[in-house]
Amino acid sequence: MAQPSGMLVPASYGAGAVGPVAGVPPRASSATGTNLWVGNLPPGFTDAEVRALFGGFGTVLACRVMQRKQAHIAEEAALVNFSTPAEADMAIQALSGQVLPSSTKPLIVKHSAPKDTPGSGGAAG
């Protein structure tokens, strides 16, 4: 079953649905511990590739590859939002330090800092 506009939604939403109400995509969770920052992605990595990589660990509500020029970052990076903190934690444990076939650097996967954290560069350490 193909998901509309490339969105991954839980099977419980029913065939063809893109959210709890047909036609409405699920909102990204603002729950603490569901947002991840991913660093050292291979150059040219896409949102779809990030979703595929992280989708095996739970429901990815949103993901976005940040462009170097826009984000003022030194390496390719992405933000990934899971539906639960447990899913995010599983992804961190499984993927942090792994080297993807198209890369030479190990992935950095960690919880992202809340936007209102003073001095945060978008990722908590």
Protein backbone atom coordinates (compact mmCIF):
# COMPACT_ATOMS: atom_id res chain seq x y z
CA MET A 1 0.00 0.00 0.00
CA ALA A 2 1.57 3.29 -1.08
CA GLN A 3 1.31 6.23 1.29
CA PRO A 4 0.17 9.57 -0.17
CA SER A 5 2.93 12.12 -0.68
CA GLY A 6 5.57 9.78 0.74
CA MET A 7 4.31 10.06 4.32
CA LEU A 8 4.62 7.14 6.69
CA VAL A 9 1.55 6.69 8.89
CA PRO A 10 0.57 3.91 11.29
CA ALA A 11 -1.47 1.11 9.71
CA SER A 12 -4.18 1.76 12.31
CA TYR A 13 -5.12 4.92 10.39
CA GLY A 14 -6.46 2.76 7.56
CA ALA A 15 -5.67 2.39 3.90
CA GLY A 16 -5.10 5.66 2.09
CA ALA A 17 -5.22 7.80 5.22
CA VAL A 18 -2.50 10.36 5.84
CA GLY A 19 -3.43 11.06 9.44
CA PRO A 20 -6.05 10.44 12.10
CA VAL A 21 -8.47 12.34 9.87
CA ALA A 22 -8.20 11.43 6.19
CA GLY A 23 -6.35 14.14 4.30
CA VAL A 24 -4.68 15.63 7.39
CA PRO A 25 -1.04 14.64 7.97
CA PRO A 26 -0.04 13.70 11.52
CA ARG A 27 1.60 16.50 13.48
CA ALA A 28 5.15 16.25 14.62
CA SER A 29 5.34 15.42 18.29
CA SER A 30 6.63 18.03 20.69
CA ALA A 31 7.09 15.42 23.43
CA THR A 32 10.46 15.53 25.12
CA GLY A 33 12.84 12.94 23.75
CA THR A 34 11.17 12.36 20.38
CA ASN A 35 13.32 14.74 18.31
CA LEU A 36 16.73 13.62 17.07
CA TRP A 37 19.63 15.43 15.45
CA VAL A 38 21.63 13.34 12.99
CA GLY A 39 25.09 14.39 11.87
CA ASN A 40 27.68 13.08 9.39
CA LEU A 41 25.15 12.03 6.76
CA PRO A 42 26.64 11.26 3.36
CA PRO A 43 26.59 14.20 0.92
CA GLY A 44 23.35 14.37 -1.03
CA PHE A 45 21.37 12.24 1.42
CA THR A 46 17.64 12.97 0.99
CA ASP A 47 14.63 13.23 3.29
CA ALA A 48 13.33 9.95 1.84
CA GLU A 49 16.61 8.19 2.63
CA VAL A 50 16.56 9.50 6.20
CA ARG A 51 12.96 8.32 6.60
CA ALA A 52 13.87 4.88 5.25
CA LEU A 53 16.92 4.63 7.53
CA PHE A 54 15.05 5.61 10.69
CA GLY A 55 11.65 4.12 9.85
CA GLY A 56 12.67 0.66 11.04
CA PHE A 57 12.79 1.92 14.62
CA GLY A 58 9.28 3.36 14.82
CA THR A 59 6.91 5.89 13.36
CA VAL A 60 8.79 8.83 11.85
CA LEU A 61 6.39 11.76 12.05
CA ALA A 62 8.71 14.18 10.30
CA CYS A 63 12.25 14.39 9.00
CA ARG A 64 14.25 17.02 7.20
CA VAL A 65 17.76 17.09 5.81
CA MET A 66 19.35 20.44 6.53
CA GLN A 67 21.26 22.08 3.72
CA ARG A 68 24.74 23.26 4.64
CA LYS A 69 24.20 26.78 3.33
CA GLN A 70 20.88 27.24 5.13
CA ALA A 71 21.87 25.69 8.45
CA HIS A 72 25.46 27.01 8.65
CA ILE A 73 26.74 23.55 9.51
CA ALA A 74 29.97 21.82 8.56
CA GLU A 75 28.50 18.43 7.66
CA GLU A 76 25.30 17.00 6.25
CA ALA A 77 22.71 16.77 9.03
CA ALA A 78 19.03 16.03 9.56
CA LEU A 79 16.28 16.35 12.12
CA VAL A 80 14.06 13.31 12.77
CA ASN A 81 10.88 13.31 14.86
CA PHE A 82 9.54 10.01 16.25
CA SER A 83 6.13 9.37 17.77
CA THR A 84 7.57 8.15 21.10
CA PRO A 85 10.77 8.66 23.11
CA ALA A 86 11.32 4.86 23.18
CA GLU A 87 11.45 4.76 19.37
CA ALA A 88 13.92 7.63 19.32
CA ASP A 89 16.09 5.91 21.92
CA MET A 90 16.14 2.67 19.87
CA ALA A 91 17.31 4.61 16.81
CA ILE A 92 20.07 6.31 18.81
CA GLN A 93 21.32 2.99 20.20
CA ALA A 94 21.25 1.26 16.82
CA LEU A 95 22.56 3.96 14.49
CA SER A 96 24.91 6.18 16.49
CA GLY A 97 28.47 5.42 15.41
CA GLN A 98 27.46 3.38 12.34
CA VAL A 99 29.18 4.17 9.05
CA LEU A 100 26.81 4.16 6.08
CA PRO A 101 28.04 2.51 2.86
CA SER A 102 28.22 5.85 1.03
CA SER A 103 30.16 7.58 3.82
CA THR A 104 33.48 7.47 5.65
CA LYS A 105 32.32 9.11 8.88
CA PRO A 106 30.30 7.49 11.69
CA LEU A 107 26.76 8.82 12.18
CA ILE A 108 26.13 11.06 15.15
CA VAL A 109 22.60 10.47 16.43
CA LYS A 110 21.40 12.23 19.57
CA HIS A 111 18.42 13.99 21.08
CA SER A 112 18.02 17.51 19.76
CA ALA A 113 17.90 20.39 22.20
CA PRO A 114 14.62 22.27 22.68
CA LYS A 115 14.53 25.51 20.70
CA ASP A 116 14.38 27.55 23.88
CA THR A 117 17.57 26.07 25.37
CA PRO A 118 20.09 28.92 25.71
CA GLY A 119 23.23 28.38 23.69
CA SER A 120 21.89 25.32 21.90
CA GLY A 121 23.15 24.88 18.39
CA GLY A 122 20.24 22.61 17.56
CA ALA A 123 21.63 19.53 19.25
CA ALA A 124 22.12 18.51 22.82
CA GLY A 125 25.34 16.87 23.84
